Amino acid sequence: MLRLLVTEWGWHWALARIPSFGLAVCMTWILNRTLTFGSSNQWAGESVRYLVTQSIGSAINLVVFSGMVMVFGAGTLLLPLAVGAAAGLIFNFLMSKYVVFSDRPMM
């Protein structure tokens, strides 16, 4: 979605991150609660914890992504996107496993 918005529709890369993030959070929450961690009956609290932790993970992702674009330019967005995603991946997984989908969440 990011690439489509930037290359085909001419959006600025930073603005294009907003809808791509929203779509990613919705889809990954559904997939994680269904396939990876299992669902609970407390979906409201779970969804709020997921949104909060994914927002923090996204901030980590965005800082790394933006830093790489500033250093290397916006000529190729694939490498900054991949490195930013990898930086947020560890945080998001650990928070999902130990906070969001845990039987005893810390938040």
Protein backbone atom coordinates (compact mmCIF):
# COMPACT_ATOMS: atom_id res chain seq x y z
CA MET A 1 0.00 0.00 0.00
CA LEU A 2 2.84 2.40 0.85
CA ARG A 3 4.51 1.91 -2.50
CA LEU A 4 1.23 2.33 -4.39
CA LEU A 5 0.39 5.58 -2.61
CA VAL A 6 3.88 7.02 -3.12
CA THR A 7 4.76 5.87 -6.64
CA GLU A 8 1.38 5.73 -8.33
CA TRP A 9 -0.62 8.41 -6.55
CA GLY A 10 2.19 10.82 -5.69
CA TRP A 11 1.67 10.91 -1.93
CA HIS A 12 4.53 12.03 0.30
CA TRP A 13 6.09 8.97 1.95
CA ALA A 14 5.37 10.22 5.48
CA LEU A 15 1.67 10.83 4.76
CA ALA A 16 1.35 7.47 3.00
CA ARG A 17 2.47 5.73 6.19
CA ILE A 18 -0.81 6.65 7.96
CA PRO A 19 -3.30 4.53 5.98
CA SER A 20 -0.74 1.76 5.46
CA PHE A 21 -0.29 1.57 9.26
CA GLY A 22 -4.03 1.47 9.92
CA LEU A 23 -4.56 -1.37 7.48
CA ALA A 24 -1.58 -3.28 8.86
CA VAL A 25 -2.76 -3.00 12.49
CA CYS A 26 -6.26 -4.26 11.69
CA MET A 27 -5.03 -7.18 9.63
CA THR A 28 -2.26 -8.25 12.00
CA TRP A 29 -4.51 -8.11 15.07
CA ILE A 30 -6.99 -10.43 13.36
CA LEU A 31 -4.24 -12.78 12.16
CA ASN A 32 -2.33 -12.79 15.46
CA ARG A 33 -5.40 -13.49 17.58
CA THR A 34 -6.59 -16.16 15.17
CA LEU A 35 -3.44 -17.95 14.04
CA THR A 36 -0.51 -17.09 16.30
CA PHE A 37 -1.48 -16.35 19.89
CA GLY A 38 -5.12 -17.42 20.09
CA SER A 39 -8.12 -15.29 20.85
CA SER A 40 -9.65 -14.46 24.17
CA ASN A 41 -13.10 -13.38 25.23
CA GLN A 42 -11.63 -10.04 26.27
CA TRP A 43 -11.27 -8.67 22.76
CA ALA A 44 -11.86 -5.01 23.76
CA GLY A 45 -8.93 -4.83 26.18
CA GLU A 46 -6.84 -6.96 23.88
CA SER A 47 -7.50 -4.68 20.93
CA VAL A 48 -6.59 -1.56 22.93
CA ARG A 49 -3.36 -3.15 24.18
CA TYR A 50 -2.58 -4.22 20.63
CA LEU A 51 -3.18 -0.73 19.23
CA VAL A 52 -1.00 0.87 21.93
CA THR A 53 1.88 -1.56 21.50
CA GLN A 54 1.69 -1.45 17.70
CA SER A 55 1.71 2.36 17.83
CA ILE A 56 4.91 2.30 19.87
CA GLY A 57 6.37 -0.31 17.52
CA SER A 58 5.33 1.86 14.60
CA ALA A 59 7.10 4.84 16.13
CA ILE A 60 10.27 2.76 16.35
CA ASN A 61 9.72 1.67 12.75
CA LEU A 62 9.08 5.24 11.59
CA VAL A 63 12.14 6.68 13.31
CA VAL A 64 14.40 4.11 11.66
CA PHE A 65 12.61 4.47 8.29
CA SER A 66 12.77 8.30 8.37
CA GLY A 67 16.39 8.33 9.45
CA MET A 68 17.37 6.09 6.55
CA VAL A 69 15.39 8.18 4.05
CA MET A 70 17.08 11.35 5.37
CA VAL A 71 20.52 9.78 5.13
CA PHE A 72 20.15 7.89 1.83
CA GLY A 73 17.34 9.84 0.12
CA ALA A 74 13.89 8.76 -1.08
CA GLY A 75 15.14 7.25 -4.34
CA THR A 76 14.55 3.77 -3.03
CA LEU A 77 12.04 3.23 -0.25
CA LEU A 78 12.28 -0.54 -0.08
CA LEU A 79 15.46 -0.75 2.01
CA PRO A 80 14.38 1.86 4.61
CA LEU A 81 10.98 0.19 4.81
CA ALA A 82 12.55 -3.23 5.39
CA VAL A 83 15.03 -2.01 8.01
CA GLY A 84 12.35 0.00 9.84
CA ALA A 85 10.05 -3.01 9.81
CA ALA A 86 12.80 -5.23 11.22
CA ALA A 87 13.47 -2.76 14.02
CA GLY A 88 9.82 -2.72 15.04
CA LEU A 89 9.38 -6.47 14.57
CA ILE A 90 11.22 -7.55 17.70
CA PHE A 91 9.43 -4.99 19.87
CA ASN A 92 6.01 -5.85 18.44
CA PHE A 93 6.47 -9.61 18.79
CA LEU A 94 7.68 -9.45 22.36
CA MET A 95 4.91 -7.06 23.40
CA SER A 96 2.29 -9.18 21.65
CA LYS A 97 3.54 -12.35 23.29
CA TYR A 98 4.05 -11.04 26.81
CA VAL A 99 1.55 -8.17 27.09
CA VAL A 100 -1.24 -8.18 24.50
CA PHE A 101 -2.12 -11.86 24.23
CA SER A 102 -0.84 -12.92 27.64
CA ASP A 103 -3.21 -14.40 30.22
CA ARG A 104 -1.94 -11.79 32.66
CA PRO A 105 -1.16 -8.63 30.65
CA MET A 106 1.07 -6.03 32.26
CA MET A 107 -0.97 -3.14 30.83
